[in-house]
């Protein structure tokens, strides 16, 4: 959450969440 924040946020919003995130 503190390292390369812009890339971590990109993967979270455009890959992790579309894959289902932690909702399933």
PDBML (XML) file of the C-alpha atoms, coordinates in Angstrom:
<?xml version="1.0" encoding="UTF-8" ?>
<PDBx:datablock datablockName="MODEL"
   xmlns:PDBx="http://pdbml.pdb.org/schema/pdbx-v50.xsd"
   xmlns:xsi="http://www.w3.org/2001/XMLSchema-instance"
   xsi:schemaLocation="http://pdbml.pdb.org/schema/pdbx-v50.xsd pdbx-v50.xsd">
   <PDBx:atom_siteCategory>
      <PDBx:atom_site id="1">
         <PDBx:B_iso_or_equiv>0.00</PDBx:B_iso_or_equiv>
         <PDBx:Cartn_x>0.000</PDBx:Cartn_x>
         <PDBx:Cartn_y>0.000</PDBx:Cartn_y>
         <PDBx:Cartn_z>0.000</PDBx:Cartn_z>
         <PDBx:auth_asym_id>A</PDBx:auth_asym_id>
         <PDBx:auth_atom_id>CA</PDBx:auth_atom_id>
         <PDBx:auth_comp_id>UNK</PDBx:auth_comp_id>
         <PDBx:auth_seq_id>1</PDBx:auth_seq_id>
         <PDBx:group_PDB>ATOM</PDBx:group_PDB>
         <PDBx:label_alt_id xsi:nil="true" />
         <PDBx:label_asym_id>A</PDBx:label_asym_id>
         <PDBx:label_atom_id>CA</PDBx:label_atom_id>
         <PDBx:label_comp_id>UNK</PDBx:label_comp_id>
         <PDBx:label_entity_id>1</PDBx:label_entity_id>
         <PDBx:label_seq_id>1</PDBx:label_seq_id>
         <PDBx:occupancy>1.00</PDBx:occupancy>
         <PDBx:pdbx_PDB_model_num>1</PDBx:pdbx_PDB_model_num>
         <PDBx:type_symbol>C</PDBx:type_symbol>
      </PDBx:atom_site>
      <PDBx:atom_site id="2">
         <PDBx:B_iso_or_equiv>0.00</PDBx:B_iso_or_equiv>
         <PDBx:Cartn_x>3.091</PDBx:Cartn_x>
         <PDBx:Cartn_y>2.208</PDBx:Cartn_y>
         <PDBx:Cartn_z>0.313</PDBx:Cartn_z>
         <PDBx:auth_asym_id>A</PDBx:auth_asym_id>
         <PDBx:auth_atom_id>CA</PDBx:auth_atom_id>
         <PDBx:auth_comp_id>UNK</PDBx:auth_comp_id>
         <PDBx:auth_seq_id>2</PDBx:auth_seq_id>
         <PDBx:group_PDB>ATOM</PDBx:group_PDB>
         <PDBx:label_alt_id xsi:nil="true" />
         <PDBx:label_asym_id>A</PDBx:label_asym_id>
         <PDBx:label_atom_id>CA</PDBx:label_atom_id>
         <PDBx:label_comp_id>UNK</PDBx:label_comp_id>
         <PDBx:label_entity_id>1</PDBx:label_entity_id>
         <PDBx:label_seq_id>2</PDBx:label_seq_id>
         <PDBx:occupancy>1.00</PDBx:occupancy>
         <PDBx:pdbx_PDB_model_num>1</PDBx:pdbx_PDB_model_num>
         <PDBx:type_symbol>C</PDBx:type_symbol>
      </PDBx:atom_site>
      <PDBx:atom_site id="3">
         <PDBx:B_iso_or_equiv>0.00</PDBx:B_iso_or_equiv>
         <PDBx:Cartn_x>5.323</PDBx:Cartn_x>
         <PDBx:Cartn_y>1.006</PDBx:Cartn_y>
         <PDBx:Cartn_z>-2.545</PDBx:Cartn_z>
         <PDBx:auth_asym_id>A</PDBx:auth_asym_id>
         <PDBx:auth_atom_id>CA</PDBx:auth_atom_id>
         <PDBx:auth_comp_id>UNK</PDBx:auth_comp_id>
         <PDBx:auth_seq_id>3</PDBx:auth_seq_id>
         <PDBx:group_PDB>ATOM</PDBx:group_PDB>
         <PDBx:label_alt_id xsi:nil="true" />
         <PDBx:label_asym_id>A</PDBx:label_asym_id>
         <PDBx:label_atom_id>CA</PDBx:label_atom_id>
         <PDBx:label_comp_id>UNK</PDBx:label_comp_id>
         <PDBx:label_entity_id>1</PDBx:label_entity_id>
         <PDBx:label_seq_id>3</PDBx:label_seq_id>
         <PDBx:occupancy>1.00</PDBx:occupancy>
         <PDBx:pdbx_PDB_model_num>1</PDBx:pdbx_PDB_model_num>
         <PDBx:type_symbol>C</PDBx:type_symbol>
      </PDBx:atom_site>
      <PDBx:atom_site id="4">
         <PDBx:B_iso_or_equiv>0.00</PDBx:B_iso_or_equiv>
         <PDBx:Cartn_x>4.716</PDBx:Cartn_x>
         <PDBx:Cartn_y>2.068</PDBx:Cartn_y>
         <PDBx:Cartn_z>-6.165</PDBx:Cartn_z>
         <PDBx:auth_asym_id>A</PDBx:auth_asym_id>
         <PDBx:auth_atom_id>CA</PDBx:auth_atom_id>
         <PDBx:auth_comp_id>UNK</PDBx:auth_comp_id>
         <PDBx:auth_seq_id>4</PDBx:auth_seq_id>
         <PDBx:group_PDB>ATOM</PDBx:group_PDB>
         <PDBx:label_alt_id xsi:nil="true" />
         <PDBx:label_asym_id>A</PDBx:label_asym_id>
         <PDBx:label_atom_id>CA</PDBx:label_atom_id>
         <PDBx:label_comp_id>UNK</PDBx:label_comp_id>
         <PDBx:label_entity_id>1</PDBx:label_entity_id>
         <PDBx:label_seq_id>4</PDBx:label_seq_id>
         <PDBx:occupancy>1.00</PDBx:occupancy>
         <PDBx:pdbx_PDB_model_num>1</PDBx:pdbx_PDB_model_num>
         <PDBx:type_symbol>C</PDBx:type_symbol>
      </PDBx:atom_site>
      <PDBx:atom_site id="5">
         <PDBx:B_iso_or_equiv>0.00</PDBx:B_iso_or_equiv>
         <PDBx:Cartn_x>1.263</PDBx:Cartn_x>
         <PDBx:Cartn_y>3.194</PDBx:Cartn_y>
         <PDBx:Cartn_z>-5.122</PDBx:Cartn_z>
         <PDBx:auth_asym_id>A</PDBx:auth_asym_id>
         <PDBx:auth_atom_id>CA</PDBx:auth_atom_id>
         <PDBx:auth_comp_id>UNK</PDBx:auth_comp_id>
         <PDBx:auth_seq_id>5</PDBx:auth_seq_id>
         <PDBx:group_PDB>ATOM</PDBx:group_PDB>
         <PDBx:label_alt_id xsi:nil="true" />
         <PDBx:label_asym_id>A</PDBx:label_asym_id>
         <PDBx:label_atom_id>CA</PDBx:label_atom_id>
         <PDBx:label_comp_id>UNK</PDBx:label_comp_id>
         <PDBx:label_entity_id>1</PDBx:label_entity_id>
         <PDBx:label_seq_id>5</PDBx:label_seq_id>
         <PDBx:occupancy>1.00</PDBx:occupancy>
         <PDBx:pdbx_PDB_model_num>1</PDBx:pdbx_PDB_model_num>
         <PDBx:type_symbol>C</PDBx:type_symbol>
      </PDBx:atom_site>
      <PDBx:atom_site id="6">
         <PDBx:B_iso_or_equiv>0.00</PDBx:B_iso_or_equiv>
         <PDBx:Cartn_x>0.158</PDBx:Cartn_x>
         <PDBx:Cartn_y>4.223</PDBx:Cartn_y>
         <PDBx:Cartn_z>-8.602</PDBx:Cartn_z>
         <PDBx:auth_asym_id>A</PDBx:auth_asym_id>
         <PDBx:auth_atom_id>CA</PDBx:auth_atom_id>
         <PDBx:auth_comp_id>UNK</PDBx:auth_comp_id>
         <PDBx:auth_seq_id>6</PDBx:auth_seq_id>
         <PDBx:group_PDB>ATOM</PDBx:group_PDB>
         <PDBx:label_alt_id xsi:nil="true" />
         <PDBx:label_asym_id>A</PDBx:label_asym_id>
         <PDBx:label_atom_id>CA</PDBx:label_atom_id>
         <PDBx:label_comp_id>UNK</PDBx:label_comp_id>
         <PDBx:label_entity_id>1</PDBx:label_entity_id>
         <PDBx:label_seq_id>6</PDBx:label_seq_id>
         <PDBx:occupancy>1.00</PDBx:occupancy>
         <PDBx:pdbx_PDB_model_num>1</PDBx:pdbx_PDB_model_num>
         <PDBx:type_symbol>C</PDBx:type_symbol>
      </PDBx:atom_site>
      <PDBx:atom_site id="7">
         <PDBx:B_iso_or_equiv>0.00</PDBx:B_iso_or_equiv>
         <PDBx:Cartn_x>0.869</PDBx:Cartn_x>
         <PDBx:Cartn_y>0.764</PDBx:Cartn_y>
         <PDBx:Cartn_z>-10.081</PDBx:Cartn_z>
         <PDBx:auth_asym_id>A</PDBx:auth_asym_id>
         <PDBx:auth_atom_id>CA</PDBx:auth_atom_id>
         <PDBx:auth_comp_id>UNK</PDBx:auth_comp_id>
         <PDBx:auth_seq_id>7</PDBx:auth_seq_id>
         <PDBx:group_PDB>ATOM</PDBx:group_PDB>
         <PDBx:label_alt_id xsi:nil="true" />
         <PDBx:label_asym_id>A</PDBx:label_asym_id>
         <PDBx:label_atom_id>CA</PDBx:label_atom_id>
         <PDBx:label_comp_id>UNK</PDBx:label_comp_id>
         <PDBx:label_entity_id>1</PDBx:label_entity_id>
         <PDBx:label_seq_id>7</PDBx:label_seq_id>
         <PDBx:occupancy>1.00</PDBx:occupancy>
         <PDBx:pdbx_PDB_model_num>1</PDBx:pdbx_PDB_model_num>
         <PDBx:type_symbol>C</PDBx:type_symbol>
      </PDBx:atom_site>
      <PDBx:atom_site id="8">
         <PDBx:B_iso_or_equiv>0.00</PDBx:B_iso_or_equiv>
         <PDBx:Cartn_x>-0.631</PDBx:Cartn_x>
         <PDBx:Cartn_y>-1.096</PDBx:Cartn_y>
         <PDBx:Cartn_z>-7.099</PDBx:Cartn_z>
         <PDBx:auth_asym_id>A</PDBx:auth_asym_id>
         <PDBx:auth_atom_id>CA</PDBx:auth_atom_id>
         <PDBx:auth_comp_id>UNK</PDBx:auth_comp_id>
         <PDBx:auth_seq_id>8</PDBx:auth_seq_id>
         <PDBx:group_PDB>ATOM</PDBx:group_PDB>
         <PDBx:label_alt_id xsi:nil="true" />
         <PDBx:label_asym_id>A</PDBx:label_asym_id>
         <PDBx:label_atom_id>CA</PDBx:label_atom_id>
         <PDBx:label_comp_id>UNK</PDBx:label_comp_id>
         <PDBx:label_entity_id>1</PDBx:label_entity_id>
         <PDBx:label_seq_id>8</PDBx:label_seq_id>
         <PDBx:occupancy>1.00</PDBx:occupancy>
         <PDBx:pdbx_PDB_model_num>1</PDBx:pdbx_PDB_model_num>
         <PDBx:type_symbol>C</PDBx:type_symbol>
      </PDBx:atom_site>
      <PDBx:atom_site id="9">
         <PDBx:B_iso_or_equiv>0.00</PDBx:B_iso_or_equiv>
         <PDBx:Cartn_x>-3.750</PDBx:Cartn_x>
         <PDBx:Cartn_y>1.049</PDBx:Cartn_y>
         <PDBx:Cartn_z>-7.407</PDBx:Cartn_z>
         <PDBx:auth_asym_id>A</PDBx:auth_asym_id>
         <PDBx:auth_atom_id>CA</PDBx:auth_atom_id>
         <PDBx:auth_comp_id>UNK</PDBx:auth_comp_id>
         <PDBx:auth_seq_id>9</PDBx:auth_seq_id>
         <PDBx:group_PDB>ATOM</PDBx:group_PDB>
         <PDBx:label_alt_id xsi:nil="true" />
         <PDBx:label_asym_id>A</PDBx:label_asym_id>
         <PDBx:label_atom_id>CA</PDBx:label_atom_id>
         <PDBx:label_comp_id>UNK</PDBx:label_comp_id>
         <PDBx:label_entity_id>1</PDBx:label_entity_id>
         <PDBx:label_seq_id>9</PDBx:label_seq_id>
         <PDBx:occupancy>1.00</PDBx:occupancy>
         <PDBx:pdbx_PDB_model_num>1</PDBx:pdbx_PDB_model_num>
         <PDBx:type_symbol>C</PDBx:type_symbol>
      </PDBx:atom_site>
      <PDBx:atom_site id="10">
         <PDBx:B_iso_or_equiv>0.00</PDBx:B_iso_or_equiv>
         <PDBx:Cartn_x>-3.887</PDBx:Cartn_x>
         <PDBx:Cartn_y>0.430</PDBx:Cartn_y>
         <PDBx:Cartn_z>-11.163</PDBx:Cartn_z>
         <PDBx:auth_asym_id>A</PDBx:auth_asym_id>
         <PDBx:auth_atom_id>CA</PDBx:auth_atom_id>
         <PDBx:auth_comp_id>UNK</PDBx:auth_comp_id>
         <PDBx:auth_seq_id>10</PDBx:auth_seq_id>
         <PDBx:group_PDB>ATOM</PDBx:group_PDB>
         <PDBx:label_alt_id xsi:nil="true" />
         <PDBx:label_asym_id>A</PDBx:label_asym_id>
         <PDBx:label_atom_id>CA</PDBx:label_atom_id>
         <PDBx:label_comp_id>UNK</PDBx:label_comp_id>
         <PDBx:label_entity_id>1</PDBx:label_entity_id>
         <PDBx:label_seq_id>10</PDBx:label_seq_id>
         <PDBx:occupancy>1.00</PDBx:occupancy>
         <PDBx:pdbx_PDB_model_num>1</PDBx:pdbx_PDB_model_num>
         <PDBx:type_symbol>C</PDBx:type_symbol>
      </PDBx:atom_site>
      <PDBx:atom_site id="11">
         <PDBx:B_iso_or_equiv>0.00</PDBx:B_iso_or_equiv>
         <PDBx:Cartn_x>-3.794</PDBx:Cartn_x>
         <PDBx:Cartn_y>-3.346</PDBx:Cartn_y>
         <PDBx:Cartn_z>-10.744</PDBx:Cartn_z>
         <PDBx:auth_asym_id>A</PDBx:auth_asym_id>
         <PDBx:auth_atom_id>CA</PDBx:auth_atom_id>
         <PDBx:auth_comp_id>UNK</PDBx:auth_comp_id>
         <PDBx:auth_seq_id>11</PDBx:auth_seq_id>
         <PDBx:group_PDB>ATOM</PDBx:group_PDB>
         <PDBx:label_alt_id xsi:nil="true" />
         <PDBx:label_asym_id>A</PDBx:label_asym_id>
         <PDBx:label_atom_id>CA</PDBx:label_atom_id>
         <PDBx:label_comp_id>UNK</PDBx:label_comp_id>
         <PDBx:label_entity_id>1</PDBx:label_entity_id>
         <PDBx:label_seq_id>11</PDBx:label_seq_id>
         <PDBx:occupancy>1.00</PDBx:occupancy>
         <PDBx:pdbx_PDB_model_num>1</PDBx:pdbx_PDB_model_num>
         <PDBx:type_symbol>C</PDBx:type_symbol>
      </PDBx:atom_site>
      <PDBx:atom_site id="12">
         <PDBx:B_iso_or_equiv>0.00</PDBx:B_iso_or_equiv>
         <PDBx:Cartn_x>-6.355</PDBx:Cartn_x>
         <PDBx:Cartn_y>-3.153</PDBx:Cartn_y>
         <PDBx:Cartn_z>-7.933</PDBx:Cartn_z>
         <PDBx:auth_asym_id>A</PDBx:auth_asym_id>
         <PDBx:auth_atom_id>CA</PDBx:auth_atom_id>
         <PDBx:auth_comp_id>UNK</PDBx:auth_comp_id>
         <PDBx:auth_seq_id>12</PDBx:auth_seq_id>
         <PDBx:group_PDB>ATOM</PDBx:group_PDB>
         <PDBx:label_alt_id xsi:nil="true" />
         <PDBx:label_asym_id>A</PDBx:label_asym_id>
         <PDBx:label_atom_id>CA</PDBx:label_atom_id>
         <PDBx:label_comp_id>UNK</PDBx:label_comp_id>
         <PDBx:label_entity_id>1</PDBx:label_entity_id>
         <PDBx:label_seq_id>12</PDBx:label_seq_id>
         <PDBx:occupancy>1.00</PDBx:occupancy>
         <PDBx:pdbx_PDB_model_num>1</PDBx:pdbx_PDB_model_num>
         <PDBx:type_symbol>C</PDBx:type_symbol>
      </PDBx:atom_site>
      <PDBx:atom_site id="13">
         <PDBx:B_iso_or_equiv>0.00</PDBx:B_iso_or_equiv>
         <PDBx:Cartn_x>-8.880</PDBx:Cartn_x>
         <PDBx:Cartn_y>-1.102</PDBx:Cartn_y>
         <PDBx:Cartn_z>-9.919</PDBx:Cartn_z>
         <PDBx:auth_asym_id>A</PDBx:auth_asym_id>
         <PDBx:auth_atom_id>CA</PDBx:auth_atom_id>
         <PDBx:auth_comp_id>UNK</PDBx:auth_comp_id>
         <PDBx:auth_seq_id>13</PDBx:auth_seq_id>
         <PDBx:group_PDB>ATOM</PDBx:group_PDB>
         <PDBx:label_alt_id xsi:nil="true" />
         <PDBx:label_asym_id>A</PDBx:label_asym_id>
         <PDBx:label_atom_id>CA</PDBx:label_atom_id>
         <PDBx:label_comp_id>UNK</PDBx:label_comp_id>
         <PDBx:label_entity_id>1</PDBx:label_entity_id>
         <PDBx:label_seq_id>13</PDBx:label_seq_id>
         <PDBx:occupancy>1.00</PDBx:occupancy>
         <PDBx:pdbx_PDB_model_num>1</PDBx:pdbx_PDB_model_num>
         <PDBx:type_symbol>C</PDBx:type_symbol>
      </PDBx:atom_site>
      <PDBx:atom_site id="14">
         <PDBx:B_iso_or_equiv>0.00</PDBx:B_iso_or_equiv>
         <PDBx:Cartn_x>-8.375</PDBx:Cartn_x>
         <PDBx:Cartn_y>-2.559</PDBx:Cartn_y>
         <PDBx:Cartn_z>-13.394</PDBx:Cartn_z>
         <PDBx:auth_asym_id>A</PDBx:auth_asym_id>
         <PDBx:auth_atom_id>CA</PDBx:auth_atom_id>
         <PDBx:auth_comp_id>UNK</PDBx:auth_comp_id>
         <PDBx:auth_seq_id>14</PDBx:auth_seq_id>
         <PDBx:group_PDB>ATOM</PDBx:group_PDB>
         <PDBx:label_alt_id xsi:nil="true" />
         <PDBx:label_asym_id>A</PDBx:label_asym_id>
         <PDBx:label_atom_id>CA</PDBx:label_atom_id>
         <PDBx:label_comp_id>UNK</PDBx:label_comp_id>
         <PDBx:label_entity_id>1</PDBx:label_entity_id>
         <PDBx:label_seq_id>14</PDBx:label_seq_id>
         <PDBx:occupancy>1.00</PDBx:occupancy>
         <PDBx:pdbx_PDB_model_num>1</PDBx:pdbx_PDB_model_num>
         <PDBx:type_symbol>C</PDBx:type_symbol>
      </PDBx:atom_site>
      <PDBx:atom_site id="15">
         <PDBx:B_iso_or_equiv>0.00</PDBx:B_iso_or_equiv>
         <PDBx:Cartn_x>-7.494</PDBx:Cartn_x>
         <PDBx:Cartn_y>-6.213</PDBx:Cartn_y>
         <PDBx:Cartn_z>-12.703</PDBx:Cartn_z>
         <PDBx:auth_asym_id>A</PDBx:auth_asym_id>
         <PDBx:auth_atom_id>CA</PDBx:auth_atom_id>
         <PDBx:auth_comp_id>UNK</PDBx:auth_comp_id>
         <PDBx:auth_seq_id>15</PDBx:auth_seq_id>
         <PDBx:group_PDB>ATOM</PDBx:group_PDB>
         <PDBx:label_alt_id xsi:nil="true" />
         <PDBx:label_asym_id>A</PDBx:label_asym_id>
         <PDBx:label_atom_id>CA</PDBx:label_atom_id>
         <PDBx:label_comp_id>UNK</PDBx:label_comp_id>
         <PDBx:label_entity_id>1</PDBx:label_entity_id>
         <PDBx:label_seq_id>15</PDBx:label_seq_id>
         <PDBx:occupancy>1.00</PDBx:occupancy>
         <PDBx:pdbx_PDB_model_num>1</PDBx:pdbx_PDB_model_num>
         <PDBx:type_symbol>C</PDBx:type_symbol>
      </PDBx:atom_site>
      <PDBx:atom_site id="16">
         <PDBx:B_iso_or_equiv>0.00</PDBx:B_iso_or_equiv>
         <PDBx:Cartn_x>-8.107</PDBx:Cartn_x>
         <PDBx:Cartn_y>-7.336</PDBx:Cartn_y>
         <PDBx:Cartn_z>-9.102</PDBx:Cartn_z>
         <PDBx:auth_asym_id>A</PDBx:auth_asym_id>
         <PDBx:auth_atom_id>CA</PDBx:auth_atom_id>
         <PDBx:auth_comp_id>UNK</PDBx:auth_comp_id>
         <PDBx:auth_seq_id>16</PDBx:auth_seq_id>
         <PDBx:group_PDB>ATOM</PDBx:group_PDB>
         <PDBx:label_alt_id xsi:nil="true" />
         <PDBx:label_asym_id>A</PDBx:label_asym_id>
         <PDBx:label_atom_id>CA</PDBx:label_atom_id>
         <PDBx:label_comp_id>UNK</PDBx:label_comp_id>
         <PDBx:label_entity_id>1</PDBx:label_entity_id>
         <PDBx:label_seq_id>16</PDBx:label_seq_id>
         <PDBx:occupancy>1.00</PDBx:occupancy>
         <PDBx:pdbx_PDB_model_num>1</PDBx:pdbx_PDB_model_num>
         <PDBx:type_symbol>C</PDBx:type_symbol>
      </PDBx:atom_site>
      <PDBx:atom_site id="17">
         <PDBx:B_iso_or_equiv>0.00</PDBx:B_iso_or_equiv>
         <PDBx:Cartn_x>-11.623</PDBx:Cartn_x>
         <PDBx:Cartn_y>-5.895</PDBx:Cartn_y>
         <PDBx:Cartn_z>-8.735</PDBx:Cartn_z>
         <PDBx:auth_asym_id>A</PDBx:auth_asym_id>
         <PDBx:auth_atom_id>CA</PDBx:auth_atom_id>
         <PDBx:auth_comp_id>UNK</PDBx:auth_comp_id>
         <PDBx:auth_seq_id>17</PDBx:auth_seq_id>
         <PDBx:group_PDB>ATOM</PDBx:group_PDB>
         <PDBx:label_alt_id xsi:nil="true" />
         <PDBx:label_asym_id>A</PDBx:label_asym_id>
         <PDBx:label_atom_id>CA</PDBx:label_atom_id>
         <PDBx:label_comp_id>UNK</PDBx:label_comp_id>
         <PDBx:label_entity_id>1</PDBx:label_entity_id>
         <PDBx:label_seq_id>17</PDBx:label_seq_id>
         <PDBx:occupancy>1.00</PDBx:occupancy>
         <PDBx:pdbx_PDB_model_num>1</PDBx:pdbx_PDB_model_num>
         <PDBx:type_symbol>C</PDBx:type_symbol>
      </PDBx:atom_site>
      <PDBx:atom_site id="18">
         <PDBx:B_iso_or_equiv>0.00</PDBx:B_iso_or_equiv>
         <PDBx:Cartn_x>-12.791</PDBx:Cartn_x>
         <PDBx:Cartn_y>-6.985</PDBx:Cartn_y>
         <PDBx:Cartn_z>-12.233</PDBx:Cartn_z>
         <PDBx:auth_asym_id>A</PDBx:auth_asym_id>
         <PDBx:auth_atom_id>CA</PDBx:auth_atom_id>
         <PDBx:auth_comp_id>UNK</PDBx:auth_comp_id>
         <PDBx:auth_seq_id>18</PDBx:auth_seq_id>
         <PDBx:group_PDB>ATOM</PDBx:group_PDB>
         <PDBx:label_alt_id xsi:nil="true" />
         <PDBx:label_asym_id>A</PDBx:label_asym_id>
         <PDBx:label_atom_id>CA</PDBx:label_atom_id>
         <PDBx:label_comp_id>UNK</PDBx:label_comp_id>
         <PDBx:label_entity_id>1</PDBx:label_entity_id>
         <PDBx:label_seq_id>18</PDBx:label_seq_id>
         <PDBx:occupancy>1.00</PDBx:occupancy>
         <PDBx:pdbx_PDB_model_num>1</PDBx:pdbx_PDB_model_num>
         <PDBx:type_symbol>C</PDBx:type_symbol>
      </PDBx:atom_site>
      <PDBx:atom_site id="19">
         <PDBx:B_iso_or_equiv>0.00</PDBx:B_iso_or_equiv>
         <PDBx:Cartn_x>-11.604</PDBx:Cartn_x>
         <PDBx:Cartn_y>-10.517</PDBx:Cartn_y>
         <PDBx:Cartn_z>-11.386</PDBx:Cartn_z>
         <PDBx:auth_asym_id>A</PDBx:auth_asym_id>
         <PDBx:auth_atom_id>CA</PDBx:auth_atom_id>
         <PDBx:auth_comp_id>UNK</PDBx:auth_comp_id>
         <PDBx:auth_seq_id>19</PDBx:auth_seq_id>
         <PDBx:group_PDB>ATOM</PDBx:group_PDB>
         <PDBx:label_alt_id xsi:nil="true" />
         <PDBx:label_asym_id>A</PDBx:label_asym_id>
         <PDBx:label_atom_id>CA</PDBx:label_atom_id>
         <PDBx:label_comp_id>UNK</PDBx:label_comp_id>
         <PDBx:label_entity_id>1</PDBx:label_entity_id>
         <PDBx:label_seq_id>19</PDBx:label_seq_id>
         <PDBx:occupancy>1.00</PDBx:occupancy>
         <PDBx:pdbx_PDB_model_num>1</PDBx:pdbx_PDB_model_num>
         <PDBx:type_symbol>C</PDBx:type_symbol>
      </PDBx:atom_site>
      <PDBx:atom_site id="20">
         <PDBx:B_iso_or_equiv>0.00</PDBx:B_iso_or_equiv>
         <PDBx:Cartn_x>-13.943</PDBx:Cartn_x>
         <PDBx:Cartn_y>-10.477</PDBx:Cartn_y>
         <PDBx:Cartn_z>-8.401</PDBx:Cartn_z>
         <PDBx:auth_asym_id>A</PDBx:auth_asym_id>
         <PDBx:auth_atom_id>CA</PDBx:auth_atom_id>
         <PDBx:auth_comp_id>UNK</PDBx:auth_comp_id>
         <PDBx:auth_seq_id>20</PDBx:auth_seq_id>
         <PDBx:group_PDB>ATOM</PDBx:group_PDB>
         <PDBx:label_alt_id xsi:nil="true" />
         <PDBx:label_asym_id>A</PDBx:label_asym_id>
         <PDBx:label_atom_id>CA</PDBx:label_atom_id>
         <PDBx:label_comp_id>UNK</PDBx:label_comp_id>
         <PDBx:label_entity_id>1</PDBx:label_entity_id>
         <PDBx:label_seq_id>20</PDBx:label_seq_id>
         <PDBx:occupancy>1.00</PDBx:occupancy>
         <PDBx:pdbx_PDB_model_num>1</PDBx:pdbx_PDB_model_num>
         <PDBx:type_symbol>C</PDBx:type_symbol>
      </PDBx:atom_site>
      <PDBx:atom_site id="21">
         <PDBx:B_iso_or_equiv>0.00</PDBx:B_iso_or_equiv>
         <PDBx:Cartn_x>-11.747</PDBx:Cartn_x>
         <PDBx:Cartn_y>-8.877</PDBx:Cartn_y>
         <PDBx:Cartn_z>-5.766</PDBx:Cartn_z>
         <PDBx:auth_asym_id>A</PDBx:auth_asym_id>
         <PDBx:auth_atom_id>CA</PDBx:auth_atom_id>
         <PDBx:auth_comp_id>UNK</PDBx:auth_comp_id>
         <PDBx:auth_seq_id>21</PDBx:auth_seq_id>
         <PDBx:group_PDB>ATOM</PDBx:group_PDB>
         <PDBx:label_alt_id xsi:nil="true" />
         <PDBx:label_asym_id>A</PDBx:label_asym_id>
         <PDBx:label_atom_id>CA</PDBx:label_atom_id>
         <PDBx:label_comp_id>UNK</PDBx:label_comp_id>
         <PDBx:label_entity_id>1</PDBx:label_entity_id>
         <PDBx:label_seq_id>21</PDBx:label_seq_id>
         <PDBx:occupancy>1.00</PDBx:occupancy>
         <PDBx:pdbx_PDB_model_num>1</PDBx:pdbx_PDB_model_num>
         <PDBx:type_symbol>C</PDBx:type_symbol>
      </PDBx:atom_site>
      <PDBx:atom_site id="22">
         <PDBx:B_iso_or_equiv>0.00</PDBx:B_iso_or_equiv>
         <PDBx:Cartn_x>-12.571</PDBx:Cartn_x>
         <PDBx:Cartn_y>-10.185</PDBx:Cartn_y>
         <PDBx:Cartn_z>-2.301</PDBx:Cartn_z>
         <PDBx:auth_asym_id>A</PDBx:auth_asym_id>
         <PDBx:auth_atom_id>CA</PDBx:auth_atom_id>
         <PDBx:auth_comp_id>UNK</PDBx:auth_comp_id>
         <PDBx:auth_seq_id>22</PDBx:auth_seq_id>
         <PDBx:group_PDB>ATOM</PDBx:group_PDB>
         <PDBx:label_alt_id xsi:nil="true" />
         <PDBx:label_asym_id>A</PDBx:label_asym_id>
         <PDBx:label_atom_id>CA</PDBx:label_atom_id>
         <PDBx:label_comp_id>UNK</PDBx:label_comp_id>
         <PDBx:label_entity_id>1</PDBx:label_entity_id>
         <PDBx:label_seq_id>22</PDBx:label_seq_id>
         <PDBx:occupancy>1.00</PDBx:occupancy>
         <PDBx:pdbx_PDB_model_num>1</PDBx:pdbx_PDB_model_num>
         <PDBx:type_symbol>C</PDBx:type_symbol>
      </PDBx:atom_site>
      <PDBx:atom_site id="23">
         <PDBx:B_iso_or_equiv>0.00</PDBx:B_iso_or_equiv>
         <PDBx:Cartn_x>-16.321</PDBx:Cartn_x>
         <PDBx:Cartn_y>-10.472</PDBx:Cartn_y>
         <PDBx:Cartn_z>-2.890</PDBx:Cartn_z>
         <PDBx:auth_asym_id>A</PDBx:auth_asym_id>
         <PDBx:auth_atom_id>CA</PDBx:auth_atom_id>
         <PDBx:auth_comp_id>UNK</PDBx:auth_comp_id>
         <PDBx:auth_seq_id>23</PDBx:auth_seq_id>
         <PDBx:group_PDB>ATOM</PDBx:group_PDB>
         <PDBx:label_alt_id xsi:nil="true" />
         <PDBx:label_asym_id>A</PDBx:label_asym_id>
         <PDBx:label_atom_id>CA</PDBx:label_atom_id>
         <PDBx:label_comp_id>UNK</PDBx:label_comp_id>
         <PDBx:label_entity_id>1</PDBx:label_entity_id>
         <PDBx:label_seq_id>23</PDBx:label_seq_id>
         <PDBx:occupancy>1.00</PDBx:occupancy>
         <PDBx:pdbx_PDB_model_num>1</PDBx:pdbx_PDB_model_num>
         <PDBx:type_symbol>C</PDBx:type_symbol>
      </PDBx:atom_site>
      <PDBx:atom_site id="24">
         <PDBx:B_iso_or_equiv>0.00</PDBx:B_iso_or_equiv>
         <PDBx:Cartn_x>-16.494</PDBx:Cartn_x>
         <PDBx:Cartn_y>-14.207</PDBx:Cartn_y>
         <PDBx:Cartn_z>-3.634</PDBx:Cartn_z>
         <PDBx:auth_asym_id>A</PDBx:auth_asym_id>
         <PDBx:auth_atom_id>CA</PDBx:auth_atom_id>
         <PDBx:auth_comp_id>UNK</PDBx:auth_comp_id>
         <PDBx:auth_seq_id>24</PDBx:auth_seq_id>
         <PDBx:group_PDB>ATOM</PDBx:group_PDB>
         <PDBx:label_alt_id xsi:nil="true" />
         <PDBx:label_asym_id>A</PDBx:label_asym_id>
         <PDBx:label_atom_id>CA</PDBx:label_atom_id>
         <PDBx:label_comp_id>UNK</PDBx:label_comp_id>
         <PDBx:label_entity_id>1</PDBx:label_entity_id>
         <PDBx:label_seq_id>24</PDBx:label_seq_id>
         <PDBx:occupancy>1.00</PDBx:occupancy>
         <PDBx:pdbx_PDB_model_num>1</PDBx:pdbx_PDB_model_num>
         <PDBx:type_symbol>C</PDBx:type_symbol>
      </PDBx:atom_site>
   </PDBx:atom_siteCategory>
</PDBx:datablock>
